[in-house]
Amino acid sequence: MNNIETVLFDLDGTLIDTAPDLAAALNDVLQEQQREPLPFEKIRPVVSHGAGAMVKLGFQIDDDHTDFIPLRNRLVDIYADNIAIHSRLFTGMEEVLQVLEEKGIKWGIVTNKMGALTDALLAQLKLDKRSVCNISGDTLPRKKPHPDPLFHACNIAQTDPKHCIYVGDAARDVEAGQRAGMRTLVALYGYIGIEDAPETWGATGMLNTPLELLDWFK
């Protein structure tokens, strides 16, 4: 992959391990509603799918339930106030970013996370100025799996999609990357549930650890 000019990352479960703070926020909401907290291992695979999916898991309700939006909003509020207590780059990812920067390879973020949360998290972890672009779920009218956010990221990075690679931990990430004409890698270390089958997503390759990304540039 010597012709790769830009690497784009999904955020939650790919670049940053945000599950501890998101799980804590869900359990805070559950306890506010006099419900038992859930084990971290049960929440972790759902984190990549957003606050709504977490509310569905915790309260066993659908998004048409009258309590769904208030509970989701409460979860987001609690999370926003505690956005970087335990969230960190995945082990090895700092080295990956440093190597990319040393090689002159640009890197950026394309996530479905709300922009206000994305910006706050990246600022807290001092990553906001290092990335070439930070595209969130509300940056454009359409989000992943639509390819628009990836095309937008390429425009900002001034990179042809065929010279870009997208790394994510969900089927929608691979689909969006494929529709944008990029090569795609699955972050197997991310928030992948036992019901997921990443080997069927059609990605270019798989990463067991962030450091394995560097092997694609050798």
Foldseek 3Di string as FASTA:
>chain_A
DQLAQEEEEADDFTFKPQLVLLLVLLQVLCVVVVHHRDDSLVQFLQVQVALLSSCCVSVVDHCVDPCRVVSSVSSVVSCQVVVVVPMDTFPPNVVVLVVCVVVNRAYYYAYQADPVSQVSNCVVHVNPVRHLDYHYNPNDPHGFLALVSVVVSCVSVVHQQCSYEYEEADLRRQNNSVVSNHAYEHEPSGSHDPPDDVVPSPHPYYDPGNNVVVVVND
